[in-house]
Amino acid sequence: MDRVKTQYLGRRRKEDLSFLVIRFMQAYVLFGEIYEEFTALASTGGDFQTAGLFAKIQRLEQKLIFDIKEKAHFLFRSANNHVPKADGSDPEFADLERVLAEDRYSDRNRAREIFSQLRKSLVRKSIDSYMGTGFHLFLILMESVYQLEYYVPQYRSETEYLEQVETLTERIGYRFNEEEEHELNHIRNVVRLCRSIADDTYSLAVTALERCMTLFRETAAILHHAVEESASNEVLVLNLLKEKQLVERVYGTGSWEHLLDLMFRTRGGKGESGVKKAEAFVRATCGNVESLDD
């Protein structure tokens, strides 16, 4: 039973990593479109009320962002994230110190193993942290855009109404009595607060938007490291082979071939491209490879 459970979990991790990578890239592209639309709207003084940005952000959160965050926690938060401590209490660090001090060629493999463990641990922790932080900032962005679309226009309408009233009374020479002036002072104070809320909401939305874009870019860079070391994941490799356009929209022109070259740099025959090595690998390990022949 333990063997079956181990096999199941191993397969699930492969599938979930593939899900995470592909869905993250899809979310990256979709968020890039939202980012461009928001910045264009802001630069031209456009009307957020009719832009429909909130619906797009909400749809992205419901279809991709939440699931990506959950997959990241399952894959990386529950994994072994041990990092050697440099305070002398960690036997692994002591072992590394000995290897480096003695500088013996026979021990170099041990040093590389420790460095590899440290790198993988840092990558795992970084992906989990970036995904978690990005999710919560995305929710802040979503709420801020909701405010811009629904509440800020109401504040603006009330402000405009007050301005029209004051313009009208000034034009016709109407003089407010004490009670009317008292009411108007209350209205002016509320309008002043509404303007402040509207300005703060816009500033928060811009800050959250820029921070989310930065996190998407940095997460993509960190995730690239994890993908490079996943050449044994036939599910991920198969999906990457089918998603050349998506990979290059995230990482740039030529990045698809480069990524597969990195993944299969130590596998297969010399001089053979990473794409060819990847195709040979999935044909040998996967049953559903018909799409590669299209």
Protein backbone atom coordinates (compact mmCIF):
# COMPACT_ATOMS: atom_id res chain seq x y z
CA MET A 1 0.00 0.00 0.00
CA ASP A 2 2.85 2.40 0.82
CA ARG A 3 4.41 1.70 -2.57
CA VAL A 4 1.11 2.39 -4.34
CA LYS A 5 0.63 5.58 -2.32
CA THR A 6 4.17 6.73 -3.14
CA GLN A 7 3.58 6.09 -6.84
CA TYR A 8 0.28 7.97 -6.72
CA LEU A 9 1.81 10.97 -4.96
CA GLY A 10 4.74 10.99 -7.37
CA ARG A 11 2.40 11.00 -10.34
CA ARG A 12 0.22 13.67 -8.77
CA ARG A 13 3.23 15.91 -8.16
CA LYS A 14 4.24 15.59 -11.81
CA GLU A 15 0.74 16.48 -12.97
CA ASP A 16 0.42 19.34 -10.49
CA LEU A 17 3.78 20.83 -11.47
CA SER A 18 2.75 20.70 -15.12
CA PHE A 19 -0.60 22.30 -14.20
CA LEU A 20 1.21 25.00 -12.21
CA VAL A 21 3.71 25.87 -14.93
CA ILE A 22 1.24 26.01 -17.83
CA ARG A 23 -1.51 27.78 -15.88
CA PHE A 24 0.99 30.29 -14.49
CA MET A 25 2.15 31.15 -18.00
CA GLN A 26 -1.47 31.54 -19.11
CA ALA A 27 -2.15 33.82 -16.14
CA TYR A 28 1.04 35.79 -16.92
CA VAL A 29 -0.15 36.50 -20.47
CA LEU A 30 -3.69 37.41 -19.39
CA PHE A 31 -2.44 39.67 -16.62
CA GLY A 32 -0.11 41.38 -19.08
CA GLU A 33 -3.16 42.29 -21.16
CA ILE A 34 -4.96 43.63 -18.08
CA TYR A 35 -1.84 45.61 -17.14
CA GLU A 36 -1.64 47.21 -20.59
CA GLU A 37 -5.34 48.04 -20.56
CA PHE A 38 -5.17 49.61 -17.09
CA THR A 39 -2.11 51.73 -17.86
CA ALA A 40 -3.59 52.88 -21.18
CA LEU A 41 -6.83 53.82 -19.42
CA ALA A 42 -4.95 55.68 -16.68
CA SER A 43 -2.72 57.58 -19.12
CA THR A 44 -5.68 58.88 -21.13
CA GLY A 45 -7.93 59.64 -18.17
CA GLY A 46 -10.37 56.98 -19.31
CA ASP A 47 -13.49 55.91 -17.49
CA PHE A 48 -12.93 52.86 -15.26
CA GLN A 49 -16.67 52.57 -14.76
CA THR A 50 -17.24 51.27 -18.28
CA ALA A 51 -13.91 49.53 -18.89
CA GLY A 52 -14.92 46.14 -17.44
CA LEU A 53 -11.51 45.57 -15.86
CA PHE A 54 -12.92 44.26 -12.60
CA ALA A 55 -14.76 41.43 -14.40
CA LYS A 56 -11.55 40.44 -16.20
CA ILE A 57 -9.50 40.47 -12.99
CA GLN A 58 -12.16 38.53 -11.10
CA ARG A 59 -12.37 35.93 -13.88
CA LEU A 60 -8.59 35.52 -13.85
CA GLU A 61 -8.60 35.03 -10.07
CA GLN A 62 -11.40 32.46 -10.20
CA LYS A 63 -10.09 30.46 -13.17
CA LEU A 64 -6.33 30.52 -12.60
CA ILE A 65 -4.81 32.54 -9.75
CA PHE A 66 -6.39 30.70 -6.80
CA ASP A 67 -5.63 27.25 -8.20
CA ILE A 68 -2.03 28.23 -8.98
CA LYS A 69 -1.51 29.37 -5.40
CA GLU A 70 -3.00 26.15 -4.01
CA LYS A 71 -0.85 23.99 -6.29
CA ALA A 72 2.27 25.91 -5.24
CA HIS A 73 1.52 25.30 -1.56
CA PHE A 74 0.97 21.58 -2.17
CA LEU A 75 4.14 21.18 -4.23
CA PHE A 76 6.58 23.40 -2.42
CA ARG A 77 5.36 24.17 1.09
CA SER A 78 5.03 20.49 2.02
CA ALA A 79 8.37 19.53 0.45
CA ASN A 80 11.59 19.09 2.35
CA ASN A 81 12.97 22.61 2.51
CA HIS A 82 16.03 22.01 4.66
CA VAL A 83 18.74 24.61 4.27
CA PRO A 84 22.14 24.03 5.95
CA LYS A 85 22.77 26.37 8.88
CA ALA A 86 26.11 28.14 9.04
CA ASP A 87 26.29 28.38 12.85
CA GLY A 88 28.13 25.10 13.36
CA SER A 89 25.07 23.18 14.56
CA ASP A 90 24.23 21.66 11.18
CA PRO A 91 26.16 18.49 10.30
CA GLU A 92 25.57 19.12 6.59
CA PHE A 93 27.22 22.53 6.78
CA ALA A 94 30.09 21.03 8.77
CA ASP A 95 30.46 18.41 6.06
CA LEU A 96 30.56 21.12 3.39
CA GLU A 97 33.13 23.09 5.39
CA ARG A 98 35.35 20.01 5.60
CA VAL A 99 35.06 19.27 1.89
CA LEU A 100 35.91 22.83 0.89
CA ALA A 101 38.77 23.10 3.38
CA GLU A 102 40.42 19.85 2.29
CA ASP A 103 39.75 20.59 -1.40
CA ARG A 104 40.00 16.94 -2.41
CA TYR A 105 38.81 16.04 -5.87
CA SER A 106 37.16 12.87 -4.59
CA ASP A 107 34.87 14.94 -2.37
CA ARG A 108 33.77 17.41 -5.02
CA ASN A 109 30.64 15.41 -5.77
CA ARG A 110 29.57 15.84 -2.14
CA ALA A 111 30.05 19.62 -2.39
CA ARG A 112 28.02 19.75 -5.60
CA GLU A 113 25.30 17.68 -3.93
CA ILE A 114 25.04 20.12 -1.02
CA PHE A 115 25.01 23.14 -3.36
CA SER A 116 22.30 21.46 -5.42
CA GLN A 117 20.18 20.82 -2.33
CA LEU A 118 20.57 24.44 -1.25
CA ARG A 119 19.62 25.75 -4.69
CA LYS A 120 16.55 23.50 -4.93
CA SER A 121 15.43 24.46 -1.44
CA LEU A 122 15.74 28.16 -2.22
CA VAL A 123 13.83 27.72 -5.48
CA ARG A 124 11.02 25.81 -3.72
CA LYS A 125 10.70 28.38 -0.96
CA SER A 126 10.86 31.28 -3.40
CA ILE A 127 8.11 29.89 -5.64
CA ASP A 128 5.84 29.26 -2.65
CA SER A 129 6.53 32.74 -1.26
CA TYR A 130 6.08 34.53 -4.58
CA MET A 131 2.86 32.67 -5.38
CA GLY A 132 1.39 33.33 -1.93
CA THR A 133 2.38 37.00 -1.90
CA GLY A 134 1.17 37.48 -5.46
CA PHE A 135 -2.22 35.97 -4.65
CA HIS A 136 -2.87 38.36 -1.77
CA LEU A 137 -1.69 41.39 -3.76
CA PHE A 138 -3.92 40.29 -6.61
CA LEU A 139 -6.90 40.36 -4.24
CA ILE A 140 -5.95 43.90 -3.20
CA LEU A 141 -5.80 44.91 -6.85
CA MET A 142 -9.16 43.29 -7.55
CA GLU A 143 -10.84 45.12 -4.65
CA SER A 144 -9.22 48.43 -5.64
CA VAL A 145 -10.42 48.15 -9.23
CA TYR A 146 -13.89 47.26 -7.94
CA GLN A 147 -13.83 50.51 -5.95
CA LEU A 148 -12.70 52.44 -9.03
CA GLU A 149 -15.52 51.01 -11.12
CA TYR A 150 -18.41 51.18 -8.66
CA TYR A 151 -17.77 53.57 -5.77
CA VAL A 152 -15.46 56.25 -7.17
CA PRO A 153 -17.98 57.22 -9.91
CA GLN A 154 -20.59 57.70 -7.18
CA TYR A 155 -18.20 59.95 -5.24
CA ARG A 156 -17.54 61.89 -8.44
CA SER A 157 -21.26 62.29 -9.10
CA GLU A 158 -21.88 63.68 -5.60
CA THR A 159 -18.95 66.07 -5.99
CA GLU A 160 -20.24 67.33 -9.33
CA TYR A 161 -23.71 67.81 -7.87
CA LEU A 162 -22.35 69.97 -5.04
CA GLU A 163 -20.35 72.04 -7.53
CA GLN A 164 -23.49 72.57 -9.64
CA VAL A 165 -25.47 73.67 -6.57
CA GLU A 166 -22.80 76.19 -5.55
CA THR A 167 -22.47 77.49 -9.12
CA LEU A 168 -26.23 77.88 -9.37
CA THR A 169 -26.61 79.73 -6.06
CA GLU A 170 -23.68 81.99 -6.88
CA ARG A 171 -25.11 82.79 -10.35
CA ILE A 172 -28.56 83.73 -9.06
CA GLY A 173 -27.23 85.43 -5.93
CA TYR A 174 -28.97 83.10 -3.49
CA ARG A 175 -27.93 83.55 0.14
CA PHE A 176 -28.00 80.48 2.40
CA ASN A 177 -29.56 80.76 5.82
CA GLU A 178 -27.81 79.37 8.88
CA GLU A 179 -29.32 75.87 8.65
CA GLU A 180 -28.66 75.60 4.93
CA GLU A 181 -25.04 76.70 5.42
CA HIS A 182 -24.68 74.15 8.23
CA GLU A 183 -25.92 71.37 5.92
CA LEU A 184 -23.68 72.49 3.08
CA ASN A 185 -20.62 72.50 5.35
CA HIS A 186 -21.37 68.88 6.27
CA ILE A 187 -21.72 68.04 2.58
CA ARG A 188 -18.43 69.80 1.74
CA ASN A 189 -16.62 67.83 4.46
CA VAL A 190 -18.04 64.53 3.22
CA VAL A 191 -17.17 65.39 -0.38
CA ARG A 192 -13.62 66.24 0.71
CA LEU A 193 -13.36 62.81 2.37
CA CYS A 194 -14.80 61.11 -0.72
CA ARG A 195 -12.21 62.80 -2.90
CA SER A 196 -9.50 61.58 -0.56
CA ILE A 197 -10.87 58.03 -0.66
CA ALA A 198 -11.03 58.14 -4.46
CA ASP A 199 -7.44 59.38 -4.73
CA ASP A 200 -6.20 56.78 -2.24
CA THR A 201 -8.07 54.01 -4.06
CA TYR A 202 -6.51 54.95 -7.38
CA SER A 203 -3.03 55.13 -5.84
CA LEU A 204 -3.51 51.74 -4.18
CA ALA A 205 -4.73 50.21 -7.45
CA VAL A 206 -1.69 51.53 -9.34
CA THR A 207 0.69 50.30 -6.63
CA ALA A 208 -0.93 46.85 -6.53
CA LEU A 209 -0.92 46.64 -10.33
CA GLU A 210 2.79 47.46 -10.60
CA ARG A 211 3.69 45.14 -7.73
CA CYS A 212 1.69 42.27 -9.25
CA MET A 213 3.43 42.78 -12.60
CA THR A 214 6.82 42.70 -10.88
CA LEU A 215 5.88 39.54 -9.00
CA PHE A 216 4.71 37.87 -12.20
CA ARG A 217 8.06 38.62 -13.86
CA GLU A 218 10.12 37.52 -10.87
CA THR A 219 8.03 34.39 -10.34
CA ALA A 220 8.50 33.49 -14.00
CA ALA A 221 12.28 33.76 -13.52
CA ILE A 222 12.23 31.59 -10.39
CA LEU A 223 9.88 29.06 -11.98
CA HIS A 224 12.27 28.78 -14.92
CA HIS A 225 14.86 27.29 -12.52
CA ALA A 226 12.39 24.64 -11.35
CA VAL A 227 11.42 23.74 -14.91
CA GLU A 228 15.08 23.37 -15.94
CA GLU A 229 15.46 20.56 -13.39
CA SER A 230 12.25 18.74 -14.37
CA ALA A 231 13.35 16.77 -17.43
CA SER A 232 12.17 13.54 -15.77
CA ASN A 233 8.60 14.89 -15.58
CA GLU A 234 7.09 13.48 -18.77
CA VAL A 235 3.76 15.26 -18.15
CA LEU A 236 5.41 18.67 -17.99
CA VAL A 237 7.72 17.97 -20.94
CA LEU A 238 4.79 16.88 -23.12
CA ASN A 239 2.84 20.03 -22.26
CA LEU A 240 5.84 22.27 -22.89
CA LEU A 241 6.33 20.69 -26.31
CA LYS A 242 2.73 21.62 -27.15
CA GLU A 243 2.96 25.18 -25.81
CA LYS A 244 5.76 26.83 -27.80
CA GLN A 245 3.77 30.02 -28.42
CA LEU A 246 2.80 30.34 -24.75
CA VAL A 247 6.37 29.80 -23.52
CA GLU A 248 7.69 32.46 -25.90
CA ARG A 249 5.01 34.97 -24.92
CA VAL A 250 6.30 34.72 -21.35
CA TYR A 251 10.06 34.24 -21.83
CA GLY A 252 10.68 35.76 -25.26
CA THR A 253 11.45 34.65 -28.79
CA GLY A 254 13.64 31.54 -28.91
CA SER A 255 13.05 30.74 -25.25
CA TRP A 256 11.15 27.52 -26.02
CA GLU A 257 14.15 25.84 -27.66
CA HIS A 258 16.51 27.31 -25.06
CA LEU A 259 14.44 25.99 -22.16
CA LEU A 260 14.28 22.47 -23.60
CA ASP A 261 18.03 22.60 -24.30
CA LEU A 262 18.62 23.41 -20.63
CA MET A 263 16.24 20.69 -19.44
CA PHE A 264 17.92 17.98 -21.53
CA ARG A 265 21.48 19.27 -21.44
CA THR A 266 22.78 16.06 -19.80
CA ARG A 267 20.50 13.63 -21.62
CA GLY A 268 20.57 11.99 -25.04
CA GLY A 269 23.18 12.23 -27.76
CA LYS A 270 25.65 15.08 -28.12
CA GLY A 271 24.74 17.68 -30.71
CA GLU A 272 21.07 16.75 -30.61
CA SER A 273 18.67 19.61 -29.83
CA GLY A 274 16.70 19.75 -26.60
CA VAL A 275 13.50 19.65 -28.65
CA LYS A 276 14.48 16.36 -30.28
CA LYS A 277 15.57 14.90 -26.94
CA ALA A 278 12.30 15.99 -25.33
CA GLU A 279 10.22 14.48 -28.13
CA ALA A 280 12.11 11.17 -27.88
CA PHE A 281 11.65 11.16 -24.11
CA VAL A 282 7.88 11.68 -24.15
CA ARG A 283 7.38 9.16 -26.97
CA ALA A 284 9.13 6.61 -24.79
CA THR A 285 7.28 7.48 -21.57
CA CYS A 286 3.85 8.87 -22.52
CA GLY A 287 0.90 7.23 -24.17
CA ASN A 288 -0.86 10.34 -25.43
CA VAL A 289 1.58 11.91 -27.89
CA GLU A 290 -0.66 12.21 -30.98
CA SER A 291 -0.67 16.01 -30.72
CA LEU A 292 3.07 16.08 -31.39
CA ASP A 293 2.45 14.86 -34.93
CA ASP A 294 0.10 17.73 -35.83
